[in-house]
Amino acid sequence: MTRIPIIIDTDIGDDIDDALAIAFALGCPELELLGVTTVLGNTAARARIAAHLLQTAGAGSIPVHAGCGEPFRQTADTVKVPCQYLPGEMDRLPVADQHAVDFIIETALRSPEPITLLTIGPLTNVAVALLREPGLREKLLRIVMMGGAYYFHFVEWNVYCDPEAADIVFRSGTPITAVGLDVTKRCLMSHSQLDRLSPGDTPVTRLLLGLIDRWQADTGRKCPILHDALAVYGAINGGLLGFEREAVSVELSGIRTRGLTFNLTDRDREEQLVTAALELAGRSVVEVAKRVEAEQFVELFLDRVLSVH
C-alpha cells in the first residue's frame, strides 16, 4: 500500500475531537504522519499535549512544532492552558525550536512527493506558509480541512477564529477538500460507542479516556462529535463520504456573518459558469463533503483507534 504523507495542523486541547483525530490517524495504515503542528492560543501547551499523545502511542519520533498563536486580525489568549493539558506529565516535554510554519514549508519542499496538509484547527499556520513560500502550493497534493458549513448558514469555529487566514487559503489555488459541519455533526458518538474505548485498556485508550474526562468536566458535554476524525477520513479517500464541487467564499465582514463560508455553485449551470464565478468573485472550487455514512464511520473510527497500542 502506498501511504499518503500528511502533516496534521491542530488546535488540540480544547474540544476533544483533535486528540481523537490524531489517534485515528495513527491507526490508519493509509496515512504516513510526517509531523504535527499546533495553532491558536497557547501553541506550546498544545504541542505538549500532541507530543504526549504521540509518545503514549509509541510514535514519539513524529515531530511536533508550535505555530502561530494569534490570528491575522483578531486577538487570542496565548497564555491560557487548554483543559486537556496534564500538569506534571506534560510539563517536561520539550517543544521543537523550529516554528510550525517553517516546518510545513521545509517538509513540503524536501518531500519527494506532494504532501497533504490536514487542517483541524484555524488556518493561520497554513495561510502564513502559503504567503511566505510561493512555491509551497506546487508541493501540496491538497489541503483537507475540517472547517466551514456549506449547505446551511452557520459560522463554524475553525473559520471563525481566523476568517482572513481561511480566505487566503481558499483563494490560494491549492486543491482543497472541505469536511464541514454539514457532515461532521452527524458523527456523534453514543454512550455505548464511547464505552467501547474502556475495554481496550491500551495506553492510548487510557490517555484518551482521561482527556475525555477533562473535556467533559470543562464543557459539561458527554459524548464527542468526531468532527476532526472525519476530516482525517477525508484524506484517505474512502467511500463513506460523498462530495460536491462548489465555488466557496468566506465572509470577512458583518456582525453575525463574519467567518461564514458559503457557496454559489448552481449545479444546473455548466462548468464554465463556475469558472467565471471564480474569476469574477475570487472564489475557489472546492470539493465539499455533502454526504456521510455516519454510523459506519464511527464504527470504523473505533476499530482503528482500538488498534493503536
Protein backbone atom coordinates (compact mmCIF):
# COMPACT_ATOMS: atom_id res chain seq x y z
CA MET A 1 0.00 0.00 0.00
CA THR A 2 1.29 3.46 -0.91
CA ARG A 3 0.82 5.63 2.16
CA ILE A 4 -0.32 9.24 1.89
CA PRO A 5 2.19 11.61 3.54
CA ILE A 6 0.38 14.12 5.76
CA ILE A 7 1.03 16.91 8.26
CA ILE A 8 -1.71 17.49 10.82
CA ASP A 9 -2.24 21.13 11.86
CA THR A 10 -4.33 21.23 15.04
CA ASP A 11 -5.65 23.32 17.92
CA ILE A 12 -5.64 20.26 20.19
CA GLY A 13 -6.53 20.73 23.83
CA ASP A 14 -9.97 22.34 23.95
CA ASP A 15 -12.53 20.19 22.16
CA ILE A 16 -11.69 16.50 22.42
CA ASP A 17 -12.08 15.76 18.73
CA ASP A 18 -8.50 16.81 17.87
CA ALA A 19 -6.93 14.20 20.15
CA LEU A 20 -9.35 11.58 18.84
CA ALA A 21 -8.47 12.55 15.27
CA ILE A 22 -4.73 12.17 15.84
CA ALA A 23 -5.26 8.77 17.47
CA PHE A 24 -7.42 7.77 14.49
CA ALA A 25 -4.72 8.92 12.05
CA LEU A 26 -2.17 6.76 13.87
CA GLY A 27 -4.46 3.79 13.35
CA CYS A 28 -4.86 4.38 9.61
CA PRO A 29 -2.39 2.35 7.55
CA GLU A 30 -3.23 4.51 4.53
CA LEU A 31 -1.52 7.53 6.13
CA GLU A 32 2.09 8.43 6.90
CA LEU A 33 2.12 11.13 9.59
CA LEU A 34 5.17 13.31 8.94
CA GLY A 35 4.53 15.74 11.77
CA VAL A 36 2.03 17.66 13.86
CA THR A 37 1.82 21.45 14.09
CA THR A 38 -0.24 23.48 16.54
CA VAL A 39 -2.17 26.70 16.07
CA LEU A 40 -4.18 29.29 18.05
CA GLY A 41 -3.59 30.49 21.59
CA ASN A 42 -1.01 28.73 23.73
CA THR A 43 0.52 26.70 20.93
CA ALA A 44 3.41 25.46 23.10
CA ALA A 45 0.95 23.85 25.54
CA ARG A 46 -0.98 22.40 22.62
CA ALA A 47 2.28 20.99 21.22
CA ARG A 48 2.98 19.22 24.51
CA ILE A 49 -0.49 17.67 24.52
CA ALA A 50 0.08 16.36 20.99
CA ALA A 51 3.60 15.15 21.84
CA HIS A 52 2.31 13.31 24.90
CA LEU A 53 -0.33 11.56 22.81
CA LEU A 54 2.23 10.53 20.20
CA GLN A 55 4.65 9.24 22.82
CA THR A 56 1.91 7.27 24.51
CA ALA A 57 1.09 5.68 21.15
CA GLY A 58 4.71 4.71 20.57
CA ALA A 59 5.06 7.36 17.88
CA GLY A 60 7.29 9.78 19.76
CA SER A 61 9.64 10.10 16.77
CA ILE A 62 6.97 12.09 14.91
CA PRO A 63 7.93 15.76 15.39
CA VAL A 64 5.58 18.33 16.92
CA HIS A 65 6.01 22.06 16.26
CA ALA A 66 4.24 25.01 17.85
CA GLY A 67 2.93 27.63 15.47
CA CYS A 68 1.00 30.88 15.26
CA GLY A 69 -0.86 31.76 18.44
CA GLU A 70 -2.65 34.85 17.16
CA PRO A 71 -4.92 35.14 14.11
CA PHE A 72 -4.37 37.75 11.38
CA ARG A 73 -6.79 40.41 12.62
CA GLN A 74 -8.19 39.09 15.88
CA THR A 75 -6.84 38.59 19.35
CA ALA A 76 -6.35 35.27 21.12
CA ASP A 77 -5.31 34.32 24.63
CA THR A 78 -1.81 32.93 24.15
CA VAL A 79 -1.31 32.23 27.86
CA LYS A 80 -4.37 30.19 28.87
CA VAL A 81 -3.62 26.48 29.17
CA PRO A 82 -6.10 24.17 27.38
CA CYS A 83 -8.28 21.97 29.58
CA GLN A 84 -6.64 18.76 28.35
CA TYR A 85 -3.18 19.80 29.50
CA LEU A 86 -1.89 17.45 32.21
CA PRO A 87 0.48 19.30 34.56
CA GLY A 88 3.48 17.26 35.55
CA GLU A 89 3.11 14.69 32.78
CA MET A 90 3.34 17.27 30.01
CA ASP A 91 5.48 19.98 31.62
CA ARG A 92 8.68 18.05 30.95
CA LEU A 93 8.06 17.52 27.25
CA PRO A 94 10.27 19.68 25.04
CA VAL A 95 8.81 21.76 22.23
CA ALA A 96 10.72 21.81 18.94
CA ASP A 97 12.57 25.07 18.29
CA GLN A 98 11.53 25.26 14.65
CA HIS A 99 8.32 27.20 14.08
CA ALA A 100 5.39 25.26 12.64
CA VAL A 101 5.26 27.44 9.52
CA ASP A 102 8.92 26.76 8.77
CA PHE A 103 8.40 23.05 9.38
CA ILE A 104 5.46 22.92 6.96
CA ILE A 105 7.42 24.73 4.25
CA GLU A 106 10.65 22.78 4.72
CA THR A 107 8.93 19.39 4.89
CA ALA A 108 6.85 20.03 1.78
CA LEU A 109 9.74 21.38 -0.28
CA ARG A 110 12.00 18.47 0.65
CA SER A 111 9.40 15.76 0.15
CA PRO A 112 9.96 13.60 -2.94
CA GLU A 113 6.20 13.51 -3.45
CA PRO A 114 3.43 16.05 -2.83
CA ILE A 115 2.10 16.05 0.72
CA THR A 116 -1.36 16.57 2.14
CA LEU A 117 -1.97 19.21 4.79
CA LEU A 118 -4.70 18.03 7.13
CA THR A 119 -6.02 21.06 8.99
CA ILE A 120 -8.24 20.52 12.03
CA GLY A 121 -7.92 23.99 13.53
CA PRO A 122 -7.87 27.60 12.34
CA LEU A 123 -5.90 28.10 9.15
CA THR A 124 -3.35 30.67 10.36
CA ASN A 125 -0.24 28.48 10.01
CA VAL A 126 -1.23 27.32 6.54
CA ALA A 127 -2.05 30.83 5.31
CA VAL A 128 1.24 32.22 6.57
CA ALA A 129 3.13 29.34 4.95
CA LEU A 130 1.42 29.92 1.60
CA LEU A 131 2.19 33.66 1.75
CA ARG A 132 5.81 33.15 2.81
CA GLU A 133 6.67 30.46 0.24
CA PRO A 134 5.00 30.88 -3.18
CA GLY A 135 6.38 27.50 -4.29
CA LEU A 136 4.58 25.66 -1.49
CA ARG A 137 1.36 25.30 -3.45
CA GLU A 138 3.10 23.18 -6.08
CA LYS A 139 4.37 20.79 -3.40
CA LEU A 140 0.97 20.16 -1.86
CA LEU A 141 -1.21 17.37 -3.15
CA ARG A 142 -4.12 19.10 -1.45
CA ILE A 143 -5.39 20.62 1.77
CA VAL A 144 -8.00 18.57 3.60
CA MET A 145 -9.71 20.72 6.18
CA MET A 146 -12.25 20.38 8.90
CA GLY A 147 -13.87 23.75 8.56
CA GLY A 148 -16.92 25.64 7.41
CA ALA A 149 -20.57 24.85 6.83
CA TYR A 150 -21.69 24.87 3.22
CA TYR A 151 -25.31 23.74 2.98
CA PHE A 152 -26.74 25.63 5.95
CA HIS A 153 -25.92 29.02 7.43
CA PHE A 154 -23.61 28.66 10.41
CA VAL A 155 -20.28 30.23 11.32
CA GLU A 156 -18.01 27.26 12.06
CA TRP A 157 -15.34 27.62 14.76
CA ASN A 158 -12.13 27.00 12.78
CA VAL A 159 -13.05 29.58 10.15
CA TYR A 160 -14.49 31.99 12.72
CA CYS A 161 -11.21 32.05 14.67
CA ASP A 162 -9.31 33.40 11.64
CA PRO A 163 -11.51 34.30 8.65
CA GLU A 164 -8.67 36.14 6.89
CA ALA A 165 -6.49 33.03 7.01
CA ALA A 166 -9.33 30.91 5.66
CA ASP A 167 -9.87 33.41 2.86
CA ILE A 168 -6.17 33.29 1.93
CA VAL A 169 -6.21 29.50 1.83
CA PHE A 170 -9.40 29.28 -0.21
CA ARG A 171 -8.02 31.82 -2.70
CA SER A 172 -4.60 30.19 -2.95
CA GLY A 173 -5.43 27.88 -5.83
CA THR A 174 -4.39 24.84 -3.81
CA PRO A 175 -6.72 21.85 -4.26
CA ILE A 176 -8.99 21.77 -1.21
CA THR A 177 -11.22 19.09 0.26
CA ALA A 178 -13.53 20.62 2.87
CA VAL A 179 -15.21 18.47 5.50
CA GLY A 180 -17.62 20.81 7.24
CA LEU A 181 -20.37 20.75 9.82
CA ASP A 182 -22.81 19.55 7.17
CA VAL A 183 -21.40 16.06 7.67
CA THR A 184 -19.33 16.12 10.85
CA LYS A 185 -22.23 16.98 13.14
CA ARG A 186 -23.82 13.68 12.17
CA CYS A 187 -20.89 11.74 13.66
CA LEU A 188 -21.91 11.95 17.31
CA MET A 189 -20.69 9.03 19.39
CA SER A 190 -23.30 7.28 21.51
CA HIS A 191 -22.72 6.36 25.15
CA SER A 192 -22.34 2.71 24.15
CA GLN A 193 -19.79 3.58 21.47
CA LEU A 194 -17.84 5.69 23.94
CA ASP A 195 -17.88 2.76 26.37
CA ARG A 196 -16.08 0.66 23.75
CA LEU A 197 -12.89 2.59 24.45
CA SER A 198 -12.73 1.28 28.03
CA PRO A 199 -12.35 -2.48 27.38
CA GLY A 200 -9.46 -1.75 25.01
CA ASP A 201 -7.31 -0.82 28.03
CA THR A 202 -4.28 0.23 25.96
CA PRO A 203 -2.05 3.16 26.92
CA VAL A 204 -3.69 5.21 24.17
CA THR A 205 -7.27 4.47 25.19
CA ARG A 206 -6.41 5.15 28.85
CA LEU A 207 -4.97 8.52 27.89
CA LEU A 208 -7.92 9.35 25.62
CA LEU A 209 -10.40 8.46 28.36
CA GLY A 210 -8.52 10.74 30.74
CA LEU A 211 -8.61 13.59 28.24
CA ILE A 212 -12.30 12.95 27.62
CA ASP A 213 -12.93 13.19 31.38
CA ARG A 214 -11.21 16.59 31.49
CA TRP A 215 -13.13 17.77 28.43
CA GLN A 216 -16.44 16.63 29.94
CA ALA A 217 -15.69 18.42 33.21
CA ASP A 218 -14.71 21.61 31.38
CA THR A 219 -17.58 21.74 28.89
CA GLY A 220 -20.42 19.79 30.50
CA ARG A 221 -20.75 17.74 27.34
CA LYS A 222 -20.83 13.94 27.44
CA CYS A 223 -20.30 12.34 24.04
CA PRO A 224 -17.77 13.57 21.46
CA ILE A 225 -18.67 14.58 17.92
CA LEU A 226 -15.98 13.29 15.57
CA HIS A 227 -15.57 16.49 13.56
CA ASP A 228 -11.80 16.23 13.09
CA ALA A 229 -11.59 12.47 12.76
CA LEU A 230 -13.95 12.68 9.80
CA ALA A 231 -11.53 15.10 8.14
CA VAL A 232 -8.78 12.52 8.67
CA TYR A 233 -11.02 10.04 6.87
CA GLY A 234 -11.43 12.61 4.09
CA ALA A 235 -7.70 12.38 3.45
CA ILE A 236 -7.98 8.62 2.91
CA ASN A 237 -10.43 8.95 0.01
CA GLY A 238 -12.75 6.35 1.48
CA GLY A 239 -16.26 5.64 0.26
CA LEU A 240 -18.21 6.79 3.33
CA LEU A 241 -18.12 10.44 2.24
CA GLY A 242 -19.80 11.96 -0.81
CA PHE A 243 -18.64 15.27 -2.30
CA GLU A 244 -19.91 18.10 -4.49
CA ARG A 245 -17.79 20.66 -6.32
CA GLU A 246 -18.60 24.12 -5.01
CA ALA A 247 -17.39 27.69 -5.50
CA VAL A 248 -16.66 28.78 -1.94
CA SER A 249 -16.18 32.20 -0.41
CA VAL A 250 -15.51 33.42 3.14
CA GLU A 251 -17.40 36.41 4.55
CA LEU A 252 -14.93 38.83 6.16
CA SER A 253 -17.34 41.43 7.46
CA GLY A 254 -20.71 41.60 9.18
CA ILE A 255 -21.63 41.44 12.82
CA ARG A 256 -23.22 37.98 12.64
CA THR A 257 -21.82 36.68 9.35
CA ARG A 258 -18.07 37.21 9.69
CA GLY A 259 -16.44 33.84 9.11
CA LEU A 260 -19.40 32.41 7.22
CA THR A 261 -18.48 30.06 4.38
CA PHE A 262 -20.90 29.92 1.51
CA ASN A 263 -21.04 28.53 -1.99
CA LEU A 264 -22.62 29.95 -5.11
CA THR A 265 -22.45 26.95 -7.38
CA ASP A 266 -25.69 26.17 -9.19
CA ARG A 267 -25.39 22.52 -10.16
CA ASP A 268 -27.63 23.12 -13.15
CA ARG A 269 -25.09 25.52 -14.66
CA GLU A 270 -22.36 24.44 -17.00
CA GLU A 271 -18.79 24.13 -15.77
CA GLN A 272 -17.63 27.30 -17.49
CA LEU A 273 -20.05 29.35 -15.40
CA VAL A 274 -18.43 28.03 -12.26
CA THR A 275 -15.04 29.06 -13.63
CA ALA A 276 -16.43 32.51 -14.47
CA ALA A 277 -17.72 32.85 -10.91
CA LEU A 278 -14.23 32.18 -9.61
CA GLU A 279 -12.66 34.77 -11.86
CA LEU A 280 -15.24 37.43 -11.05
CA ALA A 281 -15.64 36.85 -7.34
CA GLY A 282 -12.29 35.41 -6.30
CA ARG A 283 -13.79 32.16 -5.11
CA SER A 284 -12.19 28.72 -5.04
CA VAL A 285 -13.54 25.50 -6.47
CA VAL A 286 -13.60 23.14 -3.50
CA GLU A 287 -14.56 19.51 -3.05
CA VAL A 288 -17.14 19.86 -0.27
CA ALA A 289 -18.38 16.89 1.73
CA LYS A 290 -22.16 16.68 1.49
CA ARG A 291 -23.00 13.08 2.44
CA VAL A 292 -21.67 10.71 5.09
CA GLU A 293 -22.41 7.19 6.24
CA ALA A 294 -22.12 8.33 9.84
CA GLU A 295 -22.76 5.10 11.73
CA GLN A 296 -20.32 3.16 9.59
CA PHE A 297 -17.71 5.84 10.06
CA VAL A 298 -17.99 5.88 13.87
CA GLU A 299 -17.55 2.10 13.92
CA LEU A 300 -14.51 2.38 11.64
CA PHE A 301 -13.12 5.10 13.90
CA LEU A 302 -13.42 2.89 16.97
CA ASP A 303 -11.84 -0.11 15.24
CA ARG A 304 -8.86 1.97 14.12
CA VAL A 305 -8.30 3.72 17.48
CA LEU A 306 -8.54 0.44 19.36
CA SER A 307 -5.80 -0.94 17.09
CA VAL A 308 -3.29 1.69 18.28
CA HIS A 309 -1.03 0.36 21.05
